[in-house]
Structures are given as structure tokens and as C-alpha cells.
Protein backbone atom coordinates (compact mmCIF):
# COMPACT_ATOMS: atom_id res chain seq x y z
CA MET A 1 -4.45 -40.00 0.79
CA THR A 2 -3.90 -36.54 2.12
CA PRO A 3 -1.24 -35.39 4.54
CA VAL A 4 -3.10 -34.14 7.56
CA THR A 5 -0.41 -32.21 9.41
CA PRO A 6 -1.83 -28.95 10.68
CA SER A 7 0.14 -25.79 10.26
CA PRO A 8 1.03 -23.70 13.30
CA ARG A 9 -2.45 -22.16 12.99
CA ASP A 10 -4.10 -25.61 12.60
CA SER A 11 -4.57 -25.12 8.89
CA PRO A 12 -4.30 -28.21 6.71
CA PRO A 13 -1.48 -28.70 4.22
CA PRO A 14 -1.57 -26.99 0.86
CA ALA A 15 -1.02 -30.09 -1.29
CA THR A 16 -4.29 -31.26 -2.74
CA ARG A 17 -5.54 -34.81 -2.65
CA ALA A 18 -5.82 -34.68 -6.41
CA ALA A 19 -2.13 -33.86 -6.72
CA LEU A 20 -1.20 -36.67 -4.38
CA SER A 21 -3.47 -39.05 -6.24
CA ARG A 22 -1.76 -38.18 -9.52
CA SER A 23 1.63 -38.84 -7.94
CA TRP A 24 0.61 -42.20 -6.51
CA ARG A 25 -1.43 -43.66 -9.36
CA PRO A 26 -0.01 -44.85 -12.68
CA LEU A 27 -1.96 -42.43 -14.89
CA HIS A 28 -1.39 -41.71 -18.55
CA ALA A 29 0.01 -38.22 -19.02
CA ASP A 30 1.32 -36.05 -21.81
CA ARG A 31 4.84 -34.71 -21.62
CA LEU A 32 4.89 -32.17 -18.81
CA PRO A 33 7.20 -29.27 -18.02
CA ARG A 34 9.79 -30.09 -15.37
CA SER A 35 7.92 -28.25 -12.61
CA GLU A 36 4.64 -30.05 -13.31
CA LEU A 37 6.40 -33.38 -13.62
CA ARG A 38 8.00 -32.86 -10.21
CA GLU A 39 4.65 -31.97 -8.66
CA ARG A 40 3.11 -35.07 -10.18
CA LEU A 41 5.84 -37.50 -9.05
CA LEU A 42 7.19 -35.83 -5.91
CA PRO A 43 4.66 -33.36 -4.50
CA ALA A 44 6.06 -30.79 -2.10
CA TRP A 45 5.84 -31.45 1.61
CA ALA A 46 3.39 -29.33 3.54
CA PRO A 47 4.98 -26.71 5.80
CA VAL A 48 4.64 -27.42 9.50
CA ALA A 49 5.77 -25.74 12.69
CA PRO A 50 9.34 -26.80 13.62
CA TRP A 51 8.25 -28.15 16.98
CA MET A 52 5.99 -30.68 15.29
CA TRP A 53 9.02 -32.61 14.06
CA LEU A 54 9.62 -33.55 17.69
CA LEU A 55 6.37 -35.53 17.75
CA PRO A 56 7.72 -38.57 15.84
CA LEU A 57 10.52 -38.87 18.40
CA LEU A 58 8.11 -39.35 21.29
CA PRO A 59 6.93 -42.89 20.44
CA VAL A 60 10.54 -43.98 19.90
CA VAL A 61 11.47 -42.78 23.40
CA LEU A 62 8.29 -44.26 24.89
CA GLY A 63 8.85 -47.58 23.15
CA GLY A 64 12.48 -47.72 24.20
CA VAL A 65 11.62 -47.12 27.86
CA MET A 66 8.88 -49.78 27.75
CA ARG A 67 11.25 -52.31 26.21
CA PHE A 68 14.30 -51.77 28.41
CA TRP A 69 12.61 -51.13 31.77
CA GLN A 70 13.24 -54.19 33.98
CA LEU A 71 14.27 -56.12 30.87
CA ALA A 72 15.87 -58.88 32.99
CA ARG A 73 12.50 -59.69 34.60
CA PRO A 74 12.07 -62.63 34.83
CA GLN A 75 15.60 -63.94 35.17
CA GLU A 76 14.30 -67.42 34.34
CA ILE A 77 14.32 -68.90 30.83
CA ALA A 78 10.90 -68.24 29.25
CA PHE A 79 9.17 -70.27 26.50
CA ASP A 80 11.43 -70.85 23.46
CA GLU A 81 14.29 -69.01 25.09
CA THR A 82 15.19 -72.54 26.15
CA TYR A 83 16.36 -73.11 22.56
CA TYR A 84 17.65 -69.75 21.45
CA VAL A 85 19.63 -68.72 24.53
CA LYS A 86 21.62 -71.93 24.47
CA ASP A 87 21.99 -72.03 20.68
CA SER A 88 23.12 -68.41 20.66
CA TRP A 89 25.79 -68.93 23.26
CA ALA A 90 27.00 -72.06 21.47
CA LEU A 91 27.37 -70.01 18.28
CA VAL A 92 29.51 -67.50 20.15
CA LEU A 93 31.66 -70.26 21.63
CA SER A 94 32.14 -72.45 18.57
CA GLY A 95 30.41 -71.03 15.48
CA TYR A 96 27.70 -73.70 15.43
CA GLU A 97 24.89 -74.95 17.67
CA GLN A 98 25.67 -77.67 20.23
CA SER A 99 23.79 -79.90 22.63
CA TRP A 100 23.57 -78.96 26.31
CA PRO A 101 23.28 -80.90 29.57
CA GLU A 102 19.82 -81.26 31.08
CA GLU A 103 20.42 -78.72 33.85
CA ALA A 104 21.47 -75.99 31.38
CA ASP A 105 18.28 -73.89 31.75
CA ALA A 106 18.64 -73.78 35.51
CA GLY A 107 22.28 -72.83 35.15
CA PHE A 108 21.54 -69.92 32.82
CA SER A 109 18.73 -68.72 35.10
CA ALA A 110 21.01 -68.90 38.15
CA GLY A 111 23.71 -66.93 36.37
CA HIS A 112 26.15 -69.87 36.05
CA PRO A 113 25.62 -71.45 32.63
CA PRO A 114 27.31 -74.81 32.09
CA ASP A 115 29.46 -75.71 29.13
CA PRO A 116 27.90 -77.33 26.06
CA THR A 117 28.50 -81.03 25.50
CA GLY A 118 30.53 -80.55 22.32
CA ASP A 119 28.08 -82.57 20.20
CA ALA A 120 26.55 -80.77 17.23
CA SER A 121 22.85 -80.04 17.50
CA PHE A 122 20.32 -80.15 14.66
CA VAL A 123 18.44 -76.84 14.55
CA VAL A 124 15.84 -75.77 11.99
CA HIS A 125 16.24 -71.99 11.90
CA PRO A 126 19.13 -70.07 10.27
CA PRO A 127 21.64 -68.33 12.54
CA VAL A 128 21.16 -64.54 12.14
CA GLY A 129 18.78 -64.00 15.04
CA LYS A 130 20.83 -66.27 17.29
CA TRP A 131 24.04 -64.43 16.42
CA LEU A 132 22.38 -61.18 17.53
CA ILE A 133 21.17 -62.72 20.77
CA GLY A 134 24.64 -64.16 21.33
CA LEU A 135 26.25 -60.77 20.78
CA GLY A 136 24.20 -59.37 23.66
CA MET A 137 25.30 -62.29 25.82
CA LEU A 138 28.90 -61.60 24.86
CA LEU A 139 28.50 -57.96 25.92
CA PHE A 140 26.64 -58.46 29.20
CA GLY A 141 27.39 -62.04 30.17
CA PRO A 142 25.65 -65.34 29.35
CA GLY A 143 24.14 -65.66 32.81
CA ASP A 144 22.28 -62.33 32.75
CA ALA A 145 18.80 -62.22 31.23
CA PHE A 146 19.46 -58.59 30.29
CA GLY A 147 22.21 -59.86 27.99
CA TRP A 148 19.95 -62.46 26.33
CA ARG A 149 17.29 -59.87 25.68
CA PHE A 150 19.37 -56.78 24.93
CA PHE A 151 19.36 -56.98 21.14
CA PRO A 152 15.70 -58.03 20.91
CA ALA A 153 14.92 -54.82 22.83
CA VAL A 154 17.18 -52.86 20.49
CA ALA A 155 15.44 -54.43 17.49
CA GLY A 156 11.99 -53.58 18.85
CA THR A 157 12.96 -49.97 19.49
CA VAL A 158 14.52 -49.61 16.05
CA MET A 159 11.33 -51.00 14.51
CA ILE A 160 9.34 -48.18 16.08
CA ALA A 161 11.69 -45.65 14.50
CA LEU A 162 11.38 -47.43 11.14
CA VAL A 163 7.57 -47.34 11.29
CA VAL A 164 7.77 -43.62 12.03
CA LEU A 165 10.08 -43.13 9.04
CA ALA A 166 7.88 -45.25 6.78
CA ALA A 167 4.79 -43.26 7.80
CA LEU A 168 6.61 -39.99 7.13
CA LEU A 169 7.61 -41.15 3.65
CA MET A 170 4.14 -42.44 2.85
CA PHE A 171 1.86 -39.86 4.45
CA ARG A 172 4.18 -36.85 4.89
CA SER A 173 2.74 -35.92 8.25
CA PRO A 174 4.64 -35.88 11.57
CA VAL A 175 1.33 -36.22 13.40
CA VAL A 176 0.31 -39.39 11.55
CA ALA A 177 3.89 -40.73 11.82
CA ALA A 178 3.84 -40.16 15.59
CA VAL A 179 0.53 -42.00 15.90
CA ALA A 180 1.83 -44.92 13.82
CA GLY A 181 4.92 -45.20 16.01
CA THR A 182 2.82 -45.03 19.17
CA LEU A 183 0.59 -47.87 17.97
CA LEU A 184 3.58 -50.16 17.49
CA ALA A 185 5.17 -49.03 20.76
CA VAL A 186 2.13 -50.01 22.87
CA ASP A 187 1.15 -53.24 21.15
CA GLY A 188 1.54 -56.29 23.37
CA LEU A 189 2.66 -58.74 20.68
CA HIS A 190 5.48 -56.44 19.64
CA LEU A 191 6.37 -55.49 23.22
CA THR A 192 6.67 -59.05 24.53
CA HIS A 193 8.85 -60.10 21.61
CA SER A 194 11.05 -57.07 22.20
CA ARG A 195 11.62 -58.25 25.77
CA LEU A 196 12.44 -61.93 25.18
CA ALA A 197 15.28 -63.77 23.43
CA LEU A 198 13.14 -65.06 20.56
CA LEU A 199 13.78 -64.88 16.82
CA ASP A 200 10.63 -63.33 15.38
CA ILE A 201 11.48 -59.76 16.37
CA PHE A 202 14.57 -59.93 14.14
CA LEU A 203 12.53 -61.37 11.27
CA ALA A 204 10.07 -58.50 11.59
CA LEU A 205 12.91 -55.96 11.86
CA PHE A 206 14.66 -56.96 8.64
CA VAL A 207 11.42 -57.23 6.65
CA LEU A 208 10.41 -53.74 7.78
CA LEU A 209 13.92 -52.41 7.11
CA ALA A 210 13.77 -53.75 3.54
CA PHE A 211 10.42 -51.99 3.05
CA VAL A 212 11.84 -48.69 4.30
CA PHE A 213 14.85 -49.04 2.00
CA LEU A 214 12.46 -49.54 -0.92
CA LEU A 215 10.48 -46.46 0.11
CA LEU A 216 13.72 -44.48 0.00
CA ASP A 217 14.47 -46.07 -3.37
CA ARG A 218 11.03 -45.02 -4.60
CA PHE A 219 11.79 -41.42 -3.75
CA ASP A 220 15.29 -41.63 -5.22
CA GLY A 221 14.08 -43.37 -8.38
CA ARG A 222 11.44 -40.74 -9.06
CA ARG A 223 13.97 -38.00 -8.50
CA ARG A 224 16.30 -39.63 -11.02
CA LEU A 225 13.44 -40.04 -13.51
CA ILE A 226 12.59 -36.35 -13.23
CA ASP A 227 16.21 -35.32 -13.72
CA ARG A 228 16.85 -37.63 -16.69
CA LEU A 229 13.68 -37.12 -18.70
CA PRO A 230 14.06 -34.43 -21.37
CA ASP A 231 12.38 -31.11 -20.63
CA PRO A 232 9.92 -30.21 -23.45
CA GLY A 233 10.51 -26.55 -22.70
CA ARG A 234 14.11 -26.79 -23.90
CA PRO A 235 15.55 -27.44 -27.36
CA HIS A 236 15.69 -31.15 -28.27
CA GLY A 237 13.43 -31.90 -25.33
CA GLY A 238 10.89 -34.12 -27.04
CA PRO A 239 9.36 -37.29 -25.60
CA THR A 240 11.33 -40.51 -25.22
CA PRO A 241 9.28 -43.68 -25.89
CA MET A 242 11.05 -45.85 -23.30
CA GLY A 243 12.40 -43.28 -20.88
CA PRO A 244 15.89 -43.33 -19.33
CA TRP A 245 17.69 -46.03 -17.40
CA LEU A 246 17.89 -44.84 -13.80
CA GLY A 247 21.31 -46.22 -12.92
CA VAL A 248 22.46 -48.26 -9.95
CA ARG A 249 19.83 -48.21 -7.21
CA TRP A 250 21.80 -48.35 -3.98
CA TRP A 251 18.76 -48.30 -1.70
CA ARG A 252 17.42 -51.31 -3.59
CA ILE A 253 20.71 -53.16 -3.05
CA ALA A 254 20.44 -52.33 0.66
CA ALA A 255 16.93 -53.81 0.60
CA GLY A 256 18.40 -56.98 -0.92
CA VAL A 257 20.87 -57.25 1.94
CA SER A 258 18.06 -56.76 4.45
CA CYS A 259 15.97 -59.42 2.69
CA GLY A 260 18.88 -61.85 2.94
CA LEU A 261 19.18 -61.15 6.66
CA ALA A 262 15.43 -61.65 7.11
CA VAL A 263 15.61 -65.08 5.45
CA GLY A 264 18.66 -65.71 7.63
CA VAL A 265 16.39 -65.43 10.67
CA LYS A 266 13.46 -67.53 9.46
CA TRP A 267 12.59 -68.90 6.04
CA ASN A 268 9.03 -67.58 5.96
CA ALA A 269 10.63 -64.22 5.11
CA LEU A 270 10.70 -65.55 1.53
CA TYR A 271 7.04 -64.60 1.10
CA PHE A 272 7.88 -61.01 2.00
CA VAL A 273 10.94 -60.99 -0.28
CA ALA A 274 8.79 -61.99 -3.25
CA ALA A 275 6.12 -59.41 -2.44
CA LEU A 276 8.65 -56.60 -1.92
CA GLY A 277 10.30 -57.37 -5.24
CA ILE A 278 6.98 -57.13 -7.07
CA ILE A 279 5.94 -53.99 -5.20
CA THR A 280 9.11 -52.04 -6.03
CA VAL A 281 8.75 -52.86 -9.75
CA LEU A 282 5.09 -51.79 -9.72
CA TRP A 283 6.14 -48.49 -8.15
CA ASP A 284 8.58 -47.94 -11.02
CA LEU A 285 5.93 -48.82 -13.60
CA GLY A 286 3.61 -46.30 -12.00
CA ALA A 287 6.28 -43.60 -12.05
CA ARG A 288 7.01 -44.07 -15.75
CA ARG A 289 3.34 -44.09 -16.63
CA ALA A 290 2.61 -40.98 -14.58
CA ALA A 291 5.60 -39.24 -16.20
CA GLY A 292 4.12 -39.80 -19.65
CA VAL A 293 6.61 -42.40 -20.88
CA ARG A 294 4.89 -43.81 -23.96
CA HIS A 295 6.00 -47.44 -23.55
CA TRP A 296 5.96 -47.38 -19.79
CA PHE A 297 5.26 -51.09 -19.27
CA PRO A 298 8.08 -52.63 -21.33
CA ALA A 299 10.38 -49.84 -20.17
CA GLY A 300 9.55 -50.55 -16.53
CA VAL A 301 10.06 -54.27 -16.98
CA LEU A 302 13.29 -54.05 -19.00
CA LYS A 303 14.93 -50.95 -17.53
CA ASP A 304 13.73 -51.29 -13.94
CA GLY A 305 12.38 -54.79 -13.32
CA LEU A 306 15.37 -56.80 -14.52
CA PHE A 307 17.78 -54.63 -12.57
CA ALA A 308 15.51 -54.82 -9.53
CA PHE A 309 15.81 -58.61 -9.67
CA VAL A 310 19.61 -58.38 -9.91
CA CYS A 311 19.79 -55.86 -7.06
CA MET A 312 17.61 -57.86 -4.71
CA ILE A 313 17.56 -61.63 -5.32
CA PRO A 314 21.27 -62.41 -5.95
CA VAL A 315 22.25 -59.91 -3.26
CA ALA A 316 19.83 -61.54 -0.82
CA LEU A 317 21.15 -64.99 -1.72
CA VAL A 318 24.79 -64.03 -1.19
CA THR A 319 23.88 -62.33 2.08
CA TYR A 320 21.98 -65.39 3.25
CA VAL A 321 24.84 -67.80 2.50
CA ALA A 322 27.24 -65.42 4.27
CA THR A 323 25.15 -65.69 7.45
CA TRP A 324 26.22 -69.35 7.65
CA ALA A 325 29.89 -68.36 7.84
CA GLY A 326 30.32 -69.80 11.33
CA TRP A 327 29.00 -73.21 10.24
CA LEU A 328 30.99 -73.13 6.97
CA ARG A 329 34.30 -72.14 8.57
CA THR A 330 34.23 -74.87 11.20
CA SER A 331 34.13 -78.64 10.87
CA GLY A 332 31.97 -79.75 13.79
CA GLY A 333 28.52 -78.40 12.86
CA TYR A 334 25.60 -80.71 12.28
CA ASP A 335 25.86 -82.31 8.79
CA ARG A 336 29.01 -80.27 8.14
CA GLN A 337 30.84 -83.38 6.86
CA TRP A 338 27.85 -84.79 4.98
CA ALA A 339 29.38 -84.25 1.53
CA ALA A 340 32.58 -86.08 2.50
CA GLU A 341 30.57 -88.95 3.96
CA HIS A 342 28.22 -89.15 0.93
CA PRO A 343 30.48 -88.46 -2.08
CA GLY A 344 27.99 -89.57 -4.74
CA GLU A 345 24.88 -87.95 -3.30
CA GLY A 346 23.31 -84.51 -3.24
CA VAL A 347 23.82 -81.64 -5.66
CA GLN A 348 27.04 -82.68 -7.35
CA TRP A 349 27.90 -79.38 -9.02
CA LEU A 350 28.16 -77.57 -5.67
CA PRO A 351 31.42 -77.43 -3.67
CA GLY A 352 31.54 -79.85 -0.77
CA ALA A 353 30.76 -77.32 1.94
CA LEU A 354 27.75 -75.94 0.07
CA ARG A 355 26.58 -79.45 -0.79
CA SER A 356 26.55 -80.23 2.93
CA LEU A 357 24.70 -76.97 3.58
CA TRP A 358 22.13 -77.91 0.93
CA GLU A 359 21.53 -81.25 2.64
CA TYR A 360 21.14 -79.47 5.98
CA HIS A 361 18.48 -77.25 4.41
CA ARG A 362 16.69 -80.21 2.88
CA ALA A 363 16.46 -81.91 6.27
CA ALA A 364 15.32 -78.70 7.98
CA TYR A 365 12.65 -78.10 5.33
CA GLU A 366 11.36 -81.65 5.81
CA PHE A 367 11.12 -80.99 9.54
CA HIS A 368 9.14 -77.77 9.02
CA VAL A 369 6.55 -79.23 6.64
CA GLN A 370 6.02 -82.27 8.87
CA LEU A 371 5.75 -80.33 12.14
CA ASP A 372 2.31 -81.29 13.45
CA SER A 373 2.82 -81.93 17.16
CA GLY A 374 0.13 -80.47 19.36
CA HIS A 375 0.74 -77.54 21.69
CA THR A 376 -1.40 -75.96 24.38
CA TYR A 377 -1.13 -72.50 22.82
CA MET A 378 -1.21 -73.37 19.13
CA ALA A 379 -3.38 -71.01 17.07
CA GLY A 380 -4.18 -71.03 13.35
CA PRO A 381 -4.14 -67.86 11.22
CA ALA A 382 -7.93 -67.47 11.38
CA GLN A 383 -7.54 -66.72 15.11
CA TRP A 384 -4.78 -64.12 14.81
CA PRO A 385 -6.76 -61.00 13.80
CA ILE A 386 -9.32 -61.52 16.58
CA LEU A 387 -6.67 -62.40 19.22
CA GLY A 388 -8.30 -65.77 19.59
CA ARG A 389 -5.42 -67.61 21.25
CA PRO A 390 -2.40 -65.59 22.44
CA THR A 391 0.69 -67.46 23.60
CA SER A 392 1.65 -67.67 27.25
CA TYR A 393 5.43 -67.32 27.46
CA PHE A 394 5.75 -67.38 31.23
CA TYR A 395 3.49 -67.96 34.23
CA GLU A 396 4.27 -68.37 37.92
CA SER A 397 1.86 -68.77 40.84
CA LEU A 398 3.26 -67.04 43.91
CA GLN A 399 2.33 -67.07 47.57
CA GLN A 400 2.46 -64.16 49.96
CA GLY A 401 6.04 -63.16 50.65
CA GLN A 402 7.41 -64.67 47.44
CA ASN A 403 9.04 -62.30 44.95
CA GLY A 404 7.21 -59.25 46.32
CA CYS A 405 3.74 -60.80 46.55
CA GLU A 406 1.78 -58.90 49.24
CA VAL A 407 -1.50 -60.83 49.13
CA PRO A 408 -2.28 -64.52 49.68
CA ASN A 409 -2.05 -65.45 45.98
CA CYS A 410 -0.24 -63.68 43.13
CA SER A 411 0.48 -64.26 39.46
CA GLN A 412 3.46 -63.36 37.32
CA ALA A 413 2.85 -63.76 33.59
CA ILE A 414 4.00 -62.88 30.09
CA LEU A 415 1.19 -63.17 27.55
CA ASN A 416 1.83 -62.03 23.98
CA LEU A 417 -1.64 -60.53 23.73
CA GLY A 418 -1.87 -57.82 21.10
CA ASN A 419 -3.47 -54.53 22.10
CA PRO A 420 -7.17 -55.34 21.52
CA VAL A 421 -8.07 -51.80 20.42
CA ILE A 422 -5.38 -51.84 17.72
CA TRP A 423 -6.10 -55.34 16.42
CA TRP A 424 -9.88 -55.18 16.51
CA THR A 425 -9.95 -51.73 14.93
CA ALA A 426 -7.62 -52.90 12.17
CA ILE A 427 -10.12 -55.48 10.89
CA PRO A 428 -12.80 -53.03 9.64
CA VAL A 429 -10.19 -50.46 8.65
CA MET A 430 -8.33 -52.87 6.38
CA ILE A 431 -11.56 -54.10 4.80
CA ALA A 432 -12.69 -50.52 4.17
CA LEU A 433 -9.32 -49.52 2.71
CA LEU A 434 -9.33 -52.49 0.34
CA ILE A 435 -12.81 -51.58 -0.89
CA LEU A 436 -11.83 -47.93 -1.36
CA ALA A 437 -8.64 -48.82 -3.21
CA LEU A 438 -10.56 -51.04 -5.61
CA THR A 439 -13.69 -48.98 -6.17
CA TRP A 440 -13.49 -45.31 -5.16
CA ARG A 441 -11.96 -43.10 -7.82
CA ARG A 442 -10.17 -40.83 -5.36
CA TRP A 443 -8.13 -43.68 -3.86
CA ARG A 444 -8.31 -46.26 -6.64
CA MET A 445 -5.12 -48.33 -6.89
CA ASP A 446 -3.48 -46.12 -4.26
CA TRP A 447 0.03 -47.43 -3.57
CA GLY A 448 -0.08 -46.19 0.03
CA ILE A 449 -2.98 -48.57 0.68
CA LEU A 450 -2.28 -51.52 -1.58
CA SER A 451 1.41 -51.92 -0.70
CA PRO A 452 0.95 -52.50 3.05
CA LEU A 453 -2.22 -54.50 2.35
CA ALA A 454 -0.20 -56.83 0.13
CA LEU A 455 2.43 -57.26 2.85
CA VAL A 456 -0.20 -58.03 5.46
CA ALA A 457 -1.66 -60.60 3.06
CA VAL A 458 1.66 -62.37 2.40
CA GLY A 459 2.38 -62.46 6.13
CA TRP A 460 -1.01 -64.00 6.91
CA LEU A 461 -2.62 -65.90 4.03
CA PRO A 462 0.17 -68.44 3.23
CA TRP A 463 -0.27 -70.03 6.66
CA PHE A 464 -3.72 -71.24 5.64
CA ALA A 465 -1.99 -73.60 3.18
CA TYR A 466 -0.50 -75.57 6.10
CA PRO A 467 -3.48 -76.36 8.35
CA GLU A 468 -1.80 -79.45 9.81
CA ARG A 469 1.32 -77.58 10.86
CA THR A 470 1.70 -76.38 14.44
CA GLN A 471 1.18 -72.60 14.35
CA PHE A 472 1.18 -69.77 16.89
CA PHE A 473 -0.15 -66.25 17.14
CA PHE A 474 3.35 -64.76 17.18
CA TYR A 475 3.72 -65.77 13.51
CA ALA A 476 1.69 -62.60 12.86
CA LEU A 477 4.47 -60.35 14.18
CA PRO A 478 6.16 -59.64 10.79
CA TYR A 479 3.01 -58.15 9.30
CA LEU A 480 2.08 -56.10 12.38
CA PRO A 481 4.05 -52.97 11.25
CA PHE A 482 2.16 -52.93 7.95
CA MET A 483 -1.15 -53.28 9.77
CA VAL A 484 -0.14 -50.23 11.82
CA LEU A 485 0.66 -48.31 8.62
CA LEU A 486 -2.81 -49.16 7.31
CA LEU A 487 -4.33 -47.69 10.47
CA ALA A 488 -2.25 -44.58 9.77
CA ALA A 489 -3.67 -44.54 6.24
CA GLY A 490 -7.15 -44.64 7.74
CA LEU A 491 -6.30 -41.61 9.86
CA CYS A 492 -5.33 -39.72 6.72
CA MET A 493 -8.79 -40.33 5.32
CA ILE A 494 -10.63 -39.32 8.47
CA LEU A 495 -8.78 -36.13 9.29
CA PRO A 496 -9.65 -33.05 7.20
CA GLY A 497 -7.53 -31.47 4.48
CA ARG A 498 -7.61 -28.17 2.67
CA GLU A 499 -8.60 -29.70 -0.64
CA SER A 500 -11.93 -30.86 0.78
CA PRO A 501 -13.75 -27.51 1.05
CA GLY A 502 -16.93 -28.89 2.49
CA GLN A 503 -15.08 -30.67 5.25
CA ALA A 504 -12.02 -28.52 5.83
CA SER A 505 -14.09 -25.34 6.14
CA SER A 506 -16.42 -26.98 8.64
CA LYS A 507 -15.30 -26.34 12.17
CA ALA A 508 -17.70 -29.02 13.37
CA TYR A 509 -16.10 -31.63 11.13
CA ARG A 510 -12.60 -30.71 12.29
CA ILE A 511 -13.60 -30.94 15.93
CA ALA A 512 -15.45 -34.21 15.39
CA SER A 513 -12.69 -35.90 13.41
CA TRP A 514 -9.89 -34.91 15.78
CA SER A 515 -12.07 -35.85 18.77
CA VAL A 516 -12.74 -39.34 17.38
CA VAL A 517 -9.05 -39.90 16.71
CA GLY A 518 -8.09 -38.51 20.12
CA VAL A 519 -10.55 -40.69 22.00
CA TRP A 520 -9.48 -43.76 20.04
CA LEU A 521 -5.80 -43.10 20.75
CA ALA A 522 -6.53 -42.50 24.43
CA LEU A 523 -8.33 -45.85 24.53
CA VAL A 524 -5.31 -47.53 22.91
CA LEU A 525 -3.03 -46.09 25.60
CA ALA A 526 -5.43 -46.93 28.44
CA VAL A 527 -5.70 -50.56 27.32
CA ALA A 528 -1.92 -50.76 27.03
CA TRP A 529 -1.59 -49.49 30.61
CA TYR A 530 -4.17 -52.08 31.73
CA PHE A 531 -2.37 -55.03 30.14
CA TRP A 532 1.14 -53.82 30.93
CA PRO A 533 1.51 -56.12 34.02
CA ILE A 534 0.83 -59.31 32.02
CA TRP A 535 3.07 -58.20 29.16
CA THR A 536 6.09 -57.62 31.41
CA ALA A 537 5.91 -60.27 34.17
CA GLN A 538 4.83 -57.91 36.94
CA VAL A 539 3.78 -59.57 40.19
CA ILE A 540 0.06 -58.81 40.68
CA PRO A 541 -2.76 -60.36 42.72
CA TYR A 542 -4.26 -63.45 41.16
CA GLU A 543 -7.63 -61.72 40.92
CA ALA A 544 -6.05 -58.85 38.95
CA TRP A 545 -4.52 -61.33 36.52
CA HIS A 546 -7.80 -63.21 36.13
CA ARG A 547 -9.73 -59.98 35.40
CA ARG A 548 -7.45 -59.44 32.42
CA MET A 549 -8.33 -62.84 30.97
CA TRP A 550 -11.35 -61.54 29.05
CA PHE A 551 -11.94 -64.84 27.28
CA PRO A 552 -11.29 -68.44 28.37
CA SER A 553 -9.04 -68.92 25.33
CA TRP A 554 -6.64 -66.34 26.76
CA ILE A 555 -5.86 -68.53 29.78
């Protein structure tokens, strides 16, 4: 997968695809001199014009403006904000979720929220996302929709920056990184969740953050391997059968913290935690094999894999338990006194507070697996890639003179419809990349393809195991950034590089490839502009809203 950043004279980068392939695939190799080992494991970045490093900043600015502009519109509680706004404010007030009077939604919407009842409420999602929503309410007031939605907007903007950083680390091209960030910035599923007080944007943020930490760990681990392997060009520089231990991996510990926070938002992050743990060990195995370590597999398992487990899983577990500090420190939370009331039940070897927490989790898990109530906008995972049934978060029918309506009938809506050009293009691109990674020698077992493909798979496929459970399209949000990175990988294959003489030397191919990419990106932006009103609750004529409902299942 070749970096495609043009030089100031539009020349492709000097690193060859063969060199990149060697650095990304776990190939057997003899002991190499230090310079060749570095080129194999950490190929040099291609030189680019200084101004091109401004390009990756543009989608971050664009995405931030799109997420914060009129963020308080609508002021009313929308969709599941009815749960999370109230739960979040209760956490701020007391450290645990409480019940609310029936008129609470109207009070929050009017800017005068009532007080909670004081009775503990049974909730089925951990508290991290609600703490973040509550912090925004603490900063800007609980009666202001801007306050409810402030940190979701921050999270969405930060995610764009993280996708840009991930693309830079993977593809080493500011152009491709800028495109990847733009795709996430103008996707409707991501945009709507960045503008509402819902939990899934925080789940997606911490999963993506863990992936970026592991990318940084991959770079740092390979640098350490290069520095610690003996140089055959020096005295006593012969091969080492197992290779060195690489020391404490701080980026990997940071990934463990992020994984714990992700699980602390929603439990389905566990699938991503397992996949990320396997991926980072496979990266280490590949590095040792490419470096010529004779016993690369046992060395990778014993010297990297075991420490990877220690750095990630226990750290994630401690982080997760710490997120329940508000519930643990107080006495009034739901099931908080369960251990005292049931002295001979539960997990006896745990302290009382943790035994109560375990029982809370058991009850919440039972709720999740038995959730099968129907919903107008429920959608199974088979519908997600084709945008079969997006979720309507808000809809109001307005008459002339109401809320700025200037025609007889208007609509105001928030529909979490993904950008159709992005989602529908991703289907053939991901299939093609999977085939190439499994069959074509040039990209066979390419980590830059298989890693995001695996994360898309673990974010999508497990939901097929629960066909009776109520499911929604927005469950796809955590794997959206990795789908965007796969589209970026596809760009790297389309755009020409210096190491492909037949293509790179062909002016016609360069013009054609950049033209195709340019037209496609322009179409992405045009479709985003078209759907912008129904992503952000703009008041538009009813006929304009109806024209945007391309399929009956979108209504």
C-alpha cells in the first residue's frame, strides 16, 4: 500500500511498494545491517511540500464547525436523550442515576429542569458516557441543549482528528489522511451522534483512541526492536534466536485505559477490546519475523504477547471498575446495598461493594440479552451497510409562521442517515480489499488492510448472533472510522506511485486516477450538503424533506 503524497512538483514518493510490503508483512529475513533493518521495519516518510501538512487540519476544522453550529437546535429532548440527559444530571447531583417526575423532559426543554425524585433508577449502561454528558451540563447549565450536547460534539471532532492521525500513521500521506478525515466529517451517522446527547459517540471515540494508541505503540515497538537487536556489522553482533524484550510499552498501557473507558460506555466494546489485543500481538509477531528473529513466534508470544495481555486487560479492568466510583462511594444507587441484604448470595470472595456491583451487572446483562421489544426504527445488521433503515431521532411538522416556516407546511427532522456515497462505495471497496489481501502477492496479508477489516467485522458480525434482540442502525457507529480507513486504503491503491513505472510514468493514468478520486470526493461533499438539513433539524418545506426520503424505509 503505497503512500501517494505528491511532491511539490507532483512527483510520487520515493519509497517503493516493495519496501512498504516488506515492512508490513511478516517475512522471513536473514540478519540485516541496521540501515536495511530500519528500512524494512520503519521505511522513511516521503518528502512533501510543507504546505501539504495543512491539509489534514482542514477536515478537523470543517467537522468542528459542522458539529458545533446551532448545536442547541432543537432545544427539545430528542430520541434517547430522554434517558441520558436525566441520568447524566442525576450522576452530577448524586453520583448515581435516579428516577424523575413525568414532566422532566418538558422541564429540561423549557430550561427549568425539575429535581429528581431521590429514588434510585435501574439503568443498563455503564456511567462513562453519562458522566461526560453531565460535565457539559455542569459547565453550561442543565436546561441548555448546548450543554447536553457539548461533549458529544467535542468527541465527534476529536474522532476526526484521530482518523487523520491514524491515516497518517498507516498510509504516510497528508493527502490520504485529509480525505479520510473529510469522509468522517461529512458522514450523517457520525454527524448526528456528534450533535445529540447519546452514548455511542463516546463508545466510538474510545475504541478509535485505543487503536491510535496501538498504532503509536507499533511504531515505538519497531523502533525499540531495531535499537536492541545486535548489529551484524559490529563485533559480537550475531543473531539472537528469540530477540530482545522491548520493555514497558506505555502506549499499550494507554490503549488499555482507553479500552476500559470504552467498556465503561457500553459493553459491546468488549468485542473491540479482544480484537485490538490480538491485532497488536500479530503486529509484534510480524515485526520479529521481518527482522529475522529465528524463533519469532514463541518470542512474540512470550516476550510480547504475555506483556500485551498484562498491559491491556488488567489495566482495562481496573479502569472500568474505577468508572463506577460514583456508585461505589455512595449508598443510594440501585442495588448498592444488595450484598448487605443478601449475605449468603453472589460471589462470596468479593468485597461487599463489588459483590453488589457484580449483581448489578448480572441483572443488566439479563436485560440486554432478553431485550426483544419492537421499535418503529429497529434495523438488523444486514440492513446497516445498505442504509436500509436509518433511525429518526426527531421530527416535527410545522405550519406557516411556526419556528421560521415560510410555506404552508414544513418539516424539521434529525435522521441518522449515513452519507450514501460513503457507505455504498465502502461495500465493493471492502470486498475488493479482502480479496487482494488474501490472494494478490503485492498486498497479501497486508496489516493496513486486514487490521481495519477485522475491526469492521467485530463491530458488525457479532450482532447477527442476536437476531431476536432489538437493534438499530446506530450500532454501526463504532466501526465507521475503520470503514473510512479502508476507503483511504483503496485510495492508496488507485493513485499512482513512483514504483509502478508503467502507471506512474503515464500522464493519462495520473490524470484519470486523480480525476476519479476528485469526482468521487466532490460527490461525497455534494450529497452531504443535500442531506445537511435533515441531519441538523433545519426547518425546510415538507416537499424538500420528502424528496430526501429516497426509499420508503427511510421515512
